[in-house]
Every structure is written in C-alpha cells, then in structure tokens.
C-alpha cells in the first residue's frame, strides 16, 4: 500500500490507523543486545519490511526525551517500512546513567553492530540513514557529521573495526549548537533545557565551552558529510527553530546537500511531522540518495 493511501498516522508510537482498523507494528526482532557497558545491556529493536527479498536500506532511529528519558518503543516513522526501509530503534544510556558523550558512543556502537550483522538480518550496511526527534534529532545530527572524530567514536561494542559513518541524516526539531541554544530559548524552553544540559554536560555551556562545542553538530560539519534533512515547527516553544537555521547555514557554507522543511503552525512534535505526504517525500528523497 502506498504511503499516500494511509488515512492517518499516530505519530507518538508504532501504531498505524487504516480507517477504523487499528494495526500495531511490532518489531521483527526485539531487544537485540548490541553491546554491554559496565554490566548495562544496550538493546535495539529491528523492524524489517514485509516481503524482503534483498538487503534493505536501514534507518537507525534515535528517540528523544531531553537526553534523560524516553525509549526505543517510540518510533513514529514505521510507515517507512512500506517504502522498503528497515528501521532499527536504539536505546542508549540516558544522562541519569551516564553524561555526554556516552550517548554518542552508544549510538555509534549500535551502527557498527548493525553493519557487522547486516547479513544475518538482510540489511544493507552500505546504505545507512540516521534519524531522530528532539534530543534524538540532536544526537542523530551529531553522529552523522562526526565520523572519525576520536572523542566521539568511543569503543562501545565488539565491532570497532566497523565504520560508524552514515549515508544520510534526518533531524526532527533537534539542537545543533549548544553554545547558542540558551540565548535563543523561550522561558519555557529554558525551564526544560537548563536542567537537561546540567545532566548532559555536567554544567551549563558557558561553564564548559569546549564540551558544549564538542556536543554541537555545527562544530563538526565538513565537506565530506552526508546529505541532511531537517524538519522544525515554526511555533516550537521548546527547541528554537534557529537551531535548525544554524545547521542549514553551516551545511550551505560547506556546499553540502540540505533540505529544510519548516512545518508551519507546528510546535515541538506531533503528527504534522509524519503525515503521509511528508513521509512519502522523505522516502523518495532518501532512495534517490541511497540507490
């Protein structure tokens, strides 16, 4: 069934609505342990498209939750399974467990694991997209532009010989510059972001400028980076839309491919970001880059 024929998508989880019939999308392989750190198991859920006959391009999905909450159970992009993509939804150490850069190290460990086991799961390890929303969008962008950055690679997992590089990045309303984010924030945004940054960095960006820079995607963009898709609501009270504008500007200055969709009237998340039309457009553009 074409994405355009879907009547509605509930964007807060892995549930699709076809008229009056509700269909839950379950992982094809759930709770796969991709690494273990200090006795703490790190797991992912893998969703495979129906009728898979060859190696599927892979989207690695990173959930949001201010870096301190959330789980791999929240996957609003499962309709992309019908466009032939496999989706791996990754849990990573949250900031009450470990501060930055543990989250990036874990996600890169998951990418390396998925490459190493691609044959087992019918995945194409050479066609990998990283995507995420909110804090997950920030982490997706940071992972996507930092291939080879020693401080961000880490040694999580058993497959350090594999590359953590990706071939495309999709960030839904994520941060891009932790050194400017507070000056751009609304009072509501500050109420969320200040305590979240304390947990993430161990302090505020002005107190830890080098660490804040290391955690900022805009600081790592270079000429070899993959194409980037950004979606951000122009009424977002929590994540300043200027964060996306900054990353667009750096990408354009580097001569890189970037597609920025301003979602008019949208706040921080919601079904406006995953309408059938938007997901169909994204699927076609990703296939053009990957195929």
C-alpha atoms as a PDB file:
ATOM      1  CA  UNK A   1       0.000   0.000   0.000  1.00  0.00           C
ATOM      2  CA  UNK A   2       1.352   3.454  -0.897  1.00  0.00           C
ATOM      3  CA  UNK A   3       2.145   5.857   1.904  1.00  0.00           C
ATOM      4  CA  UNK A   4      -0.247   8.299   0.263  1.00  0.00           C
ATOM      5  CA  UNK A   5      -3.179   5.938   0.874  1.00  0.00           C
ATOM      6  CA  UNK A   6      -2.783   5.949   4.622  1.00  0.00           C
ATOM      7  CA  UNK A   7      -5.692   7.764   6.230  1.00  0.00           C
ATOM      8  CA  UNK A   8      -3.893   8.729   9.389  1.00  0.00           C
ATOM      9  CA  UNK A   9      -0.701   8.169  11.323  1.00  0.00           C
ATOM     10  CA  UNK A  10      -0.476   8.385  15.066  1.00  0.00           C
ATOM     11  CA  UNK A  11       2.994   9.851  15.487  1.00  0.00           C
ATOM     12  CA  UNK A  12       3.582   9.030  19.145  1.00  0.00           C
ATOM     13  CA  UNK A  13       4.326   5.354  18.683  1.00  0.00           C
ATOM     14  CA  UNK A  14       4.401   2.349  16.408  1.00  0.00           C
ATOM     15  CA  UNK A  15       0.671   2.385  15.582  1.00  0.00           C
ATOM     16  CA  UNK A  16      -0.945   2.926  12.202  1.00  0.00           C
ATOM     17  CA  UNK A  17      -4.609   3.682  11.638  1.00  0.00           C
ATOM     18  CA  UNK A  18      -6.317   2.387   8.470  1.00  0.00           C
ATOM     19  CA  UNK A  19      -9.824   3.800   8.644  1.00  0.00           C
ATOM     20  CA  UNK A  20     -11.480   2.106  11.606  1.00  0.00           C
ATOM     21  CA  UNK A  21      -8.935  -0.747  11.779  1.00  0.00           C
ATOM     22  CA  UNK A  22      -6.056  -0.383  14.213  1.00  0.00           C
ATOM     23  CA  UNK A  23      -2.821  -2.214  13.438  1.00  0.00           C
ATOM     24  CA  UNK A  24       0.071  -2.363  15.910  1.00  0.00           C
ATOM     25  CA  UNK A  25       3.516  -2.616  14.356  1.00  0.00           C
ATOM     26  CA  UNK A  26       5.692  -4.964  16.367  1.00  0.00           C
ATOM     27  CA  UNK A  27       9.456  -5.319  15.959  1.00  0.00           C
ATOM     28  CA  UNK A  28      10.570  -8.172  13.766  1.00  0.00           C
ATOM     29  CA  UNK A  29      13.396  -8.733  16.244  1.00  0.00           C
ATOM     30  CA  UNK A  30      13.037  -7.137  19.675  1.00  0.00           C
ATOM     31  CA  UNK A  31      15.546  -6.349  22.419  1.00  0.00           C
ATOM     32  CA  UNK A  32      18.644  -7.258  20.445  1.00  0.00           C
ATOM     33  CA  UNK A  33      21.656  -6.644  22.659  1.00  0.00           C
ATOM     34  CA  UNK A  34      24.180  -4.680  20.611  1.00  0.00           C
ATOM     35  CA  UNK A  35      26.629  -4.001  23.442  1.00  0.00           C
ATOM     36  CA  UNK A  36      27.122  -4.134  27.187  1.00  0.00           C
ATOM     37  CA  UNK A  37      28.803  -1.341  29.150  1.00  0.00           C
ATOM     38  CA  UNK A  38      29.755  -1.839  32.811  1.00  0.00           C
ATOM     39  CA  UNK A  39      27.214  -4.656  33.004  1.00  0.00           C
ATOM     40  CA  UNK A  40      24.489  -2.435  31.495  1.00  0.00           C
ATOM     41  CA  UNK A  41      22.896  -4.089  28.413  1.00  0.00           C
ATOM     42  CA  UNK A  42      22.266  -1.822  25.428  1.00  0.00           C
ATOM     43  CA  UNK A  43      19.493  -3.009  23.146  1.00  0.00           C
ATOM     44  CA  UNK A  44      17.696  -2.144  19.929  1.00  0.00           C
ATOM     45  CA  UNK A  45      14.520  -3.203  18.163  1.00  0.00           C
ATOM     46  CA  UNK A  46      14.686  -4.103  14.484  1.00  0.00           C
ATOM     47  CA  UNK A  47      11.745  -3.673  12.120  1.00  0.00           C
ATOM     48  CA  UNK A  48      12.017  -5.290   8.692  1.00  0.00           C
ATOM     49  CA  UNK A  49       9.809  -4.529   5.685  1.00  0.00           C
ATOM     50  CA  UNK A  50       7.363  -7.224   4.600  1.00  0.00           C
ATOM     51  CA  UNK A  51       8.377  -9.469   1.744  1.00  0.00           C
ATOM     52  CA  UNK A  52      12.033  -8.511   1.990  1.00  0.00           C
ATOM     53  CA  UNK A  53      13.924 -10.243  -0.831  1.00  0.00           C
ATOM     54  CA  UNK A  54      17.282  -8.490  -0.694  1.00  0.00           C
ATOM     55  CA  UNK A  55      19.314  -6.324   1.615  1.00  0.00           C
ATOM     56  CA  UNK A  56      17.192  -3.409   2.831  1.00  0.00           C
ATOM     57  CA  UNK A  57      18.497   0.113   3.388  1.00  0.00           C
ATOM     58  CA  UNK A  58      18.497   0.867   7.092  1.00  0.00           C
ATOM     59  CA  UNK A  59      17.213   3.797   9.135  1.00  0.00           C
ATOM     60  CA  UNK A  60      18.704   3.984  12.632  1.00  0.00           C
ATOM     61  CA  UNK A  61      16.099   5.765  14.778  1.00  0.00           C
ATOM     62  CA  UNK A  62      17.098   7.753  17.893  1.00  0.00           C
ATOM     63  CA  UNK A  63      14.328   8.636  20.350  1.00  0.00           C
ATOM     64  CA  UNK A  64      14.016  11.954  22.149  1.00  0.00           C
ATOM     65  CA  UNK A  65      13.387  12.826  25.784  1.00  0.00           C
ATOM     66  CA  UNK A  66      15.779  15.669  26.731  1.00  0.00           C
ATOM     67  CA  UNK A  67      18.641  13.125  26.751  1.00  0.00           C
ATOM     68  CA  UNK A  68      17.371  11.898  30.125  1.00  0.00           C
ATOM     69  CA  UNK A  69      14.167   9.987  29.294  1.00  0.00           C
ATOM     70  CA  UNK A  70      12.372   8.149  26.502  1.00  0.00           C
ATOM     71  CA  UNK A  71      12.863   4.711  24.973  1.00  0.00           C
ATOM     72  CA  UNK A  72      13.186   2.775  21.728  1.00  0.00           C
ATOM     73  CA  UNK A  73       9.456   1.968  21.922  1.00  0.00           C
ATOM     74  CA  UNK A  74       8.599   5.368  20.419  1.00  0.00           C
ATOM     75  CA  UNK A  75       9.078   5.032  16.635  1.00  0.00           C
ATOM     76  CA  UNK A  76       6.816   7.408  14.650  1.00  0.00           C
ATOM     77  CA  UNK A  77       8.418   6.607  11.282  1.00  0.00           C
ATOM     78  CA  UNK A  78       7.341   2.954  10.942  1.00  0.00           C
ATOM     79  CA  UNK A  79       5.274   3.759   7.809  1.00  0.00           C
ATOM     80  CA  UNK A  80       8.642   3.968   6.035  1.00  0.00           C
ATOM     81  CA  UNK A  81       8.737   0.166   6.262  1.00  0.00           C
ATOM     82  CA  UNK A  82       6.335   0.169   3.327  1.00  0.00           C
ATOM     83  CA  UNK A  83       8.865   2.155   1.321  1.00  0.00           C
ATOM     84  CA  UNK A  84      11.324  -0.721   1.728  1.00  0.00           C
ATOM     85  CA  UNK A  85      13.370   0.590   4.647  1.00  0.00           C
ATOM     86  CA  UNK A  86      14.389  -1.443   7.664  1.00  0.00           C
ATOM     87  CA  UNK A  87      14.312   0.507  10.938  1.00  0.00           C
ATOM     88  CA  UNK A  88      16.495  -0.081  13.995  1.00  0.00           C
ATOM     89  CA  UNK A  89      15.268   1.800  17.058  1.00  0.00           C
ATOM     90  CA  UNK A  90      18.124   2.212  19.517  1.00  0.00           C
ATOM     91  CA  UNK A  91      18.180   2.589  23.266  1.00  0.00           C
ATOM     92  CA  UNK A  92      21.230   4.398  24.621  1.00  0.00           C
ATOM     93  CA  UNK A  93      22.463   5.364  28.063  1.00  0.00           C
ATOM     94  CA  UNK A  94      20.428   8.289  29.343  1.00  0.00           C
ATOM     95  CA  UNK A  95      22.017  11.146  31.241  1.00  0.00           C
ATOM     96  CA  UNK A  96      20.958   9.980  34.738  1.00  0.00           C
ATOM     97  CA  UNK A  97      23.094   6.905  33.965  1.00  0.00           C
ATOM     98  CA  UNK A  98      25.987   8.499  32.052  1.00  0.00           C
ATOM     99  CA  UNK A  99      26.735  12.028  30.763  1.00  0.00           C
ATOM    100  CA  UNK A 100      27.825  13.046  27.274  1.00  0.00           C
ATOM    101  CA  UNK A 101      29.458  11.647  25.170  1.00  0.00           C
ATOM    102  CA  UNK A 102      28.148   8.232  26.311  1.00  0.00           C
ATOM    103  CA  UNK A 103      25.003   8.656  24.203  1.00  0.00           C
ATOM    104  CA  UNK A 104      27.016   9.206  21.016  1.00  0.00           C
ATOM    105  CA  UNK A 105      29.378   6.345  21.831  1.00  0.00           C
ATOM    106  CA  UNK A 106      26.405   4.005  22.288  1.00  0.00           C
ATOM    107  CA  UNK A 107      24.704   5.000  19.037  1.00  0.00           C
ATOM    108  CA  UNK A 108      27.928   4.573  17.087  1.00  0.00           C
ATOM    109  CA  UNK A 109      28.353   1.190  18.729  1.00  0.00           C
ATOM    110  CA  UNK A 110      24.868   0.265  17.520  1.00  0.00           C
ATOM    111  CA  UNK A 111      25.692   1.329  13.961  1.00  0.00           C
ATOM    112  CA  UNK A 112      28.854  -0.768  13.984  1.00  0.00           C
ATOM    113  CA  UNK A 113      26.919  -3.753  15.358  1.00  0.00           C
ATOM    114  CA  UNK A 114      24.277  -3.417  12.636  1.00  0.00           C
ATOM    115  CA  UNK A 115      26.968  -3.290   9.959  1.00  0.00           C
ATOM    116  CA  UNK A 116      28.688  -6.359  11.395  1.00  0.00           C
ATOM    117  CA  UNK A 117      25.418  -8.332  11.488  1.00  0.00           C
ATOM    118  CA  UNK A 118      23.879  -6.927   8.289  1.00  0.00           C
ATOM    119  CA  UNK A 119      23.959 -10.280   6.509  1.00  0.00           C
ATOM    120  CA  UNK A 120      22.151 -12.025   9.362  1.00  0.00           C
ATOM    121  CA  UNK A 121      19.273  -9.519   9.275  1.00  0.00           C
ATOM    122  CA  UNK A 122      19.143  -8.835   5.499  1.00  0.00           C
ATOM    123  CA  UNK A 123      20.361  -5.261   5.894  1.00  0.00           C
ATOM    124  CA  UNK A 124      22.480  -3.215   3.517  1.00  0.00           C
ATOM    125  CA  UNK A 125      25.348  -1.997   5.656  1.00  0.00           C
ATOM    126  CA  UNK A 126      26.398   0.458   2.941  1.00  0.00           C
ATOM    127  CA  UNK A 127      23.047   2.297   2.948  1.00  0.00           C
ATOM    128  CA  UNK A 128      22.504   3.615   6.471  1.00  0.00           C
ATOM    129  CA  UNK A 129      20.424   6.642   7.454  1.00  0.00           C
ATOM    130  CA  UNK A 130      20.413   8.058  10.974  1.00  0.00           C
ATOM    131  CA  UNK A 131      17.269   9.868  12.112  1.00  0.00           C
ATOM    132  CA  UNK A 132      15.827  11.145  15.352  1.00  0.00           C
ATOM    133  CA  UNK A 133      13.499  13.638  17.022  1.00  0.00           C
ATOM    134  CA  UNK A 134      14.175  16.364  19.614  1.00  0.00           C
ATOM    135  CA  UNK A 135      17.167  15.207  21.696  1.00  0.00           C
ATOM    136  CA  UNK A 136      17.287  12.265  19.298  1.00  0.00           C
ATOM    137  CA  UNK A 137      17.468  14.699  16.400  1.00  0.00           C
ATOM    138  CA  UNK A 138      20.445  16.394  18.017  1.00  0.00           C
ATOM    139  CA  UNK A 139      22.174  13.055  18.569  1.00  0.00           C
ATOM    140  CA  UNK A 140      21.372  11.902  15.029  1.00  0.00           C
ATOM    141  CA  UNK A 141      22.893  15.047  13.541  1.00  0.00           C
ATOM    142  CA  UNK A 142      25.929  14.849  15.811  1.00  0.00           C
ATOM    143  CA  UNK A 143      26.584  11.185  14.989  1.00  0.00           C
ATOM    144  CA  UNK A 144      26.048  11.883  11.300  1.00  0.00           C
ATOM    145  CA  UNK A 145      28.618  14.680  10.998  1.00  0.00           C
ATOM    146  CA  UNK A 146      31.276  13.309  13.344  1.00  0.00           C
ATOM    147  CA  UNK A 147      32.540  10.164  11.627  1.00  0.00           C
ATOM    148  CA  UNK A 148      36.181   9.769  12.580  1.00  0.00           C
ATOM    149  CA  UNK A 149      36.123  12.321  15.424  1.00  0.00           C
ATOM    150  CA  UNK A 150      38.162  10.437  18.019  1.00  0.00           C
ATOM    151  CA  UNK A 151      36.450  11.846  21.119  1.00  0.00           C
ATOM    152  CA  UNK A 152      33.030  10.852  19.762  1.00  0.00           C
ATOM    153  CA  UNK A 153      33.759   7.413  18.314  1.00  0.00           C
ATOM    154  CA  UNK A 154      34.202   5.539  21.572  1.00  0.00           C
ATOM    155  CA  UNK A 155      34.805   1.811  21.895  1.00  0.00           C
ATOM    156  CA  UNK A 156      31.315   0.553  22.716  1.00  0.00           C
ATOM    157  CA  UNK A 157      30.593  -2.967  21.479  1.00  0.00           C
ATOM    158  CA  UNK A 158      32.614  -5.738  19.882  1.00  0.00           C
ATOM    159  CA  UNK A 159      32.837  -4.369  16.350  1.00  0.00           C
ATOM    160  CA  UNK A 160      35.199  -1.408  16.488  1.00  0.00           C
ATOM    161  CA  UNK A 161      36.631  -2.471  13.140  1.00  0.00           C
ATOM    162  CA  UNK A 162      33.364  -1.382  11.509  1.00  0.00           C
ATOM    163  CA  UNK A 163      32.651   2.183  10.374  1.00  0.00           C
ATOM    164  CA  UNK A 164      30.139   4.362  12.225  1.00  0.00           C
ATOM    165  CA  UNK A 165      29.626   6.613   9.179  1.00  0.00           C
ATOM    166  CA  UNK A 166      26.149   7.066   7.713  1.00  0.00           C
ATOM    167  CA  UNK A 167      24.948   7.994   4.250  1.00  0.00           C
ATOM    168  CA  UNK A 168      22.135  10.407   5.219  1.00  0.00           C
ATOM    169  CA  UNK A 169      20.846  12.305   8.260  1.00  0.00           C
ATOM    170  CA  UNK A 170      17.283  13.240   9.254  1.00  0.00           C
ATOM    171  CA  UNK A 171      16.751  15.520  12.253  1.00  0.00           C
ATOM    172  CA  UNK A 172      13.299  16.420  13.548  1.00  0.00           C
ATOM    173  CA  UNK A 173      13.426  19.629  15.639  1.00  0.00           C
ATOM    174  CA  UNK A 174      16.816  18.871  17.167  1.00  0.00           C
ATOM    175  CA  UNK A 175      19.514  21.060  18.680  1.00  0.00           C
ATOM    176  CA  UNK A 176      22.573  21.927  16.617  1.00  0.00           C
ATOM    177  CA  UNK A 177      24.573  24.416  18.704  1.00  0.00           C
ATOM    178  CA  UNK A 178      24.648  24.037  22.475  1.00  0.00           C
ATOM    179  CA  UNK A 179      26.678  27.236  22.767  1.00  0.00           C
ATOM    180  CA  UNK A 180      23.829  29.378  21.411  1.00  0.00           C
ATOM    181  CA  UNK A 181      20.735  27.411  22.362  1.00  0.00           C
ATOM    182  CA  UNK A 182      20.021  29.123  25.682  1.00  0.00           C
ATOM    183  CA  UNK A 183      20.233  32.637  24.238  1.00  0.00           C
ATOM    184  CA  UNK A 184      17.640  31.606  21.623  1.00  0.00           C
ATOM    185  CA  UNK A 185      15.242  29.891  24.038  1.00  0.00           C
ATOM    186  CA  UNK A 186      11.851  30.959  25.329  1.00  0.00           C
ATOM    187  CA  UNK A 187      11.238  30.923  29.111  1.00  0.00           C
ATOM    188  CA  UNK A 188       9.548  27.551  28.660  1.00  0.00           C
ATOM    189  CA  UNK A 189      12.489  26.310  26.648  1.00  0.00           C
ATOM    190  CA  UNK A 190      14.891  27.409  29.372  1.00  0.00           C
ATOM    191  CA  UNK A 191      12.862  25.568  32.013  1.00  0.00           C
ATOM    192  CA  UNK A 192      13.416  22.360  30.059  1.00  0.00           C
ATOM    193  CA  UNK A 193      16.866  22.941  28.624  1.00  0.00           C
ATOM    194  CA  UNK A 194      18.812  24.232  31.639  1.00  0.00           C
ATOM    195  CA  UNK A 195      18.315  21.139  33.827  1.00  0.00           C
ATOM    196  CA  UNK A 196      18.702  18.870  30.790  1.00  0.00           C
ATOM    197  CA  UNK A 197      22.059  20.436  29.931  1.00  0.00           C
ATOM    198  CA  UNK A 198      23.200  20.109  33.538  1.00  0.00           C
ATOM    199  CA  UNK A 199      22.700  16.362  33.239  1.00  0.00           C
ATOM    200  CA  UNK A 200      24.096  16.097  29.728  1.00  0.00           C
ATOM    201  CA  UNK A 201      27.261  18.170  30.162  1.00  0.00           C
ATOM    202  CA  UNK A 202      27.688  18.275  33.912  1.00  0.00           C
ATOM    203  CA  UNK A 203      27.117  22.033  33.848  1.00  0.00           C
ATOM    204  CA  UNK A 204      25.988  24.838  31.574  1.00  0.00           C
ATOM    205  CA  UNK A 205      27.555  25.561  28.166  1.00  0.00           C
ATOM    206  CA  UNK A 206      29.194  28.801  29.299  1.00  0.00           C
ATOM    207  CA  UNK A 207      30.885  26.887  32.116  1.00  0.00           C
ATOM    208  CA  UNK A 208      32.065  24.095  29.801  1.00  0.00           C
ATOM    209  CA  UNK A 209      32.534  25.757  26.403  1.00  0.00           C
ATOM    210  CA  UNK A 210      34.814  23.107  24.882  1.00  0.00           C
ATOM    211  CA  UNK A 211      32.498  20.266  25.887  1.00  0.00           C
ATOM    212  CA  UNK A 212      29.479  22.205  24.600  1.00  0.00           C
ATOM    213  CA  UNK A 213      31.305  22.714  21.305  1.00  0.00           C
ATOM    214  CA  UNK A 214      32.143  19.012  21.085  1.00  0.00           C
ATOM    215  CA  UNK A 215      28.434  18.255  21.583  1.00  0.00           C
ATOM    216  CA  UNK A 216      27.351  20.674  18.818  1.00  0.00           C
ATOM    217  CA  UNK A 217      26.781  19.345  15.286  1.00  0.00           C
ATOM    218  CA  UNK A 218      27.610  22.743  13.749  1.00  0.00           C
ATOM    219  CA  UNK A 219      31.179  22.403  15.036  1.00  0.00           C
ATOM    220  CA  UNK A 220      31.855  19.188  13.104  1.00  0.00           C
ATOM    221  CA  UNK A 221      30.414  19.836   9.635  1.00  0.00           C
ATOM    222  CA  UNK A 222      32.971  19.306   6.884  1.00  0.00           C
ATOM    223  CA  UNK A 223      32.973  18.807   3.124  1.00  0.00           C
ATOM    224  CA  UNK A 224      32.544  15.033   3.245  1.00  0.00           C
ATOM    225  CA  UNK A 225      29.371  14.965   5.324  1.00  0.00           C
ATOM    226  CA  UNK A 226      26.212  13.171   4.118  1.00  0.00           C
ATOM    227  CA  UNK A 227      23.004  14.829   2.886  1.00  0.00           C
ATOM    228  CA  UNK A 228      20.839  16.259   5.650  1.00  0.00           C
ATOM    229  CA  UNK A 229      17.078  16.640   6.083  1.00  0.00           C
ATOM    230  CA  UNK A 230      15.752  18.967   8.779  1.00  0.00           C
ATOM    231  CA  UNK A 231      12.147  19.447   9.893  1.00  0.00           C
ATOM    232  CA  UNK A 232      11.209  22.034  12.518  1.00  0.00           C
ATOM    233  CA  UNK A 233       7.971  23.704  13.611  1.00  0.00           C
ATOM    234  CA  UNK A 234       7.851  27.481  13.401  1.00  0.00           C
ATOM    235  CA  UNK A 235       5.870  27.604  16.667  1.00  0.00           C
ATOM    236  CA  UNK A 236       8.218  25.367  18.667  1.00  0.00           C
ATOM    237  CA  UNK A 237       8.345  26.766  22.239  1.00  0.00           C
ATOM    238  CA  UNK A 238      10.926  24.256  23.433  1.00  0.00           C
ATOM    239  CA  UNK A 239      13.586  23.882  20.737  1.00  0.00           C
ATOM    240  CA  UNK A 240      14.403  27.176  18.975  1.00  0.00           C
ATOM    241  CA  UNK A 241      13.930  26.917  15.221  1.00  0.00           C
ATOM    242  CA  UNK A 242      17.123  28.965  14.912  1.00  0.00           C
ATOM    243  CA  UNK A 243      18.961  25.781  15.897  1.00  0.00           C
ATOM    244  CA  UNK A 244      17.913  24.272  12.571  1.00  0.00           C
ATOM    245  CA  UNK A 245      18.668  27.522  10.728  1.00  0.00           C
ATOM    246  CA  UNK A 246      22.225  27.437  12.121  1.00  0.00           C
ATOM    247  CA  UNK A 247      22.841  23.912  10.865  1.00  0.00           C
ATOM    248  CA  UNK A 248      21.366  24.754   7.462  1.00  0.00           C
ATOM    249  CA  UNK A 249      23.709  27.740   7.208  1.00  0.00           C
ATOM    250  CA  UNK A 250      26.790  25.688   8.040  1.00  0.00           C
ATOM    251  CA  UNK A 251      25.780  22.985   5.564  1.00  0.00           C
ATOM    252  CA  UNK A 252      25.189  25.520   2.804  1.00  0.00           C
ATOM    253  CA  UNK A 253      28.504  27.243   3.508  1.00  0.00           C
ATOM    254  CA  UNK A 254      30.235  23.871   3.093  1.00  0.00           C
ATOM    255  CA  UNK A 255      28.458  23.253  -0.219  1.00  0.00           C
ATOM    256  CA  UNK A 256      26.592  20.222   1.157  1.00  0.00           C
ATOM    257  CA  UNK A 257      23.120  18.923   0.340  1.00  0.00           C
ATOM    258  CA  UNK A 258      20.494  20.041   2.849  1.00  0.00           C
ATOM    259  CA  UNK A 259      16.689  20.084   2.746  1.00  0.00           C
ATOM    260  CA  UNK A 260      14.976  22.203   5.416  1.00  0.00           C
ATOM    261  CA  UNK A 261      11.220  21.926   5.869  1.00  0.00           C
ATOM    262  CA  UNK A 262       9.605  24.500   8.118  1.00  0.00           C
ATOM    263  CA  UNK A 263       6.400  22.939   9.440  1.00  0.00           C
ATOM    264  CA  UNK A 264       4.104  25.931   9.695  1.00  0.00           C
ATOM    265  CA  UNK A 265       1.982  26.115  12.834  1.00  0.00           C
ATOM    266  CA  UNK A 266       3.669  23.102  14.420  1.00  0.00           C
ATOM    267  CA  UNK A 267       5.120  23.112  17.921  1.00  0.00           C
ATOM    268  CA  UNK A 268       7.525  20.561  19.403  1.00  0.00           C
ATOM    269  CA  UNK A 269       6.500  17.274  17.818  1.00  0.00           C
ATOM    270  CA  UNK A 270       3.120  15.964  16.784  1.00  0.00           C
ATOM    271  CA  UNK A 271       1.549  14.300  13.778  1.00  0.00           C
ATOM    272  CA  UNK A 272       2.259  17.242  11.439  1.00  0.00           C
ATOM    273  CA  UNK A 273       5.818  15.967  11.063  1.00  0.00           C
ATOM    274  CA  UNK A 274       4.860  12.458   9.950  1.00  0.00           C
ATOM    275  CA  UNK A 275       1.927  12.979   7.625  1.00  0.00           C
ATOM    276  CA  UNK A 276       1.717  10.524   4.715  1.00  0.00           C
ATOM    277  CA  UNK A 277       2.777  13.274   2.313  1.00  0.00           C
ATOM    278  CA  UNK A 278       5.873  14.220   4.333  1.00  0.00           C
ATOM    279  CA  UNK A 279       6.945  10.609   4.825  1.00  0.00           C
ATOM    280  CA  UNK A 280       6.367   9.789   1.167  1.00  0.00           C
ATOM    281  CA  UNK A 281       8.505  12.758   0.138  1.00  0.00           C
ATOM    282  CA  UNK A 282      11.240  11.767   2.582  1.00  0.00           C
ATOM    283  CA  UNK A 283      11.226   8.158   1.388  1.00  0.00           C
ATOM    284  CA  UNK A 284      11.599   9.188  -2.251  1.00  0.00           C
ATOM    285  CA  UNK A 285      14.429  11.618  -1.478  1.00  0.00           C
ATOM    286  CA  UNK A 286      16.289   9.085   0.641  1.00  0.00           C
ATOM    287  CA  UNK A 287      16.004   6.447  -2.073  1.00  0.00           C
ATOM    288  CA  UNK A 288      17.395   8.926  -4.596  1.00  0.00           C
ATOM    289  CA  UNK A 289      20.458   9.442  -2.406  1.00  0.00           C
ATOM    290  CA  UNK A 290      20.965   5.812  -1.395  1.00  0.00           C
ATOM    291  CA  UNK A 291      20.076   3.863  -4.533  1.00  0.00           C
END
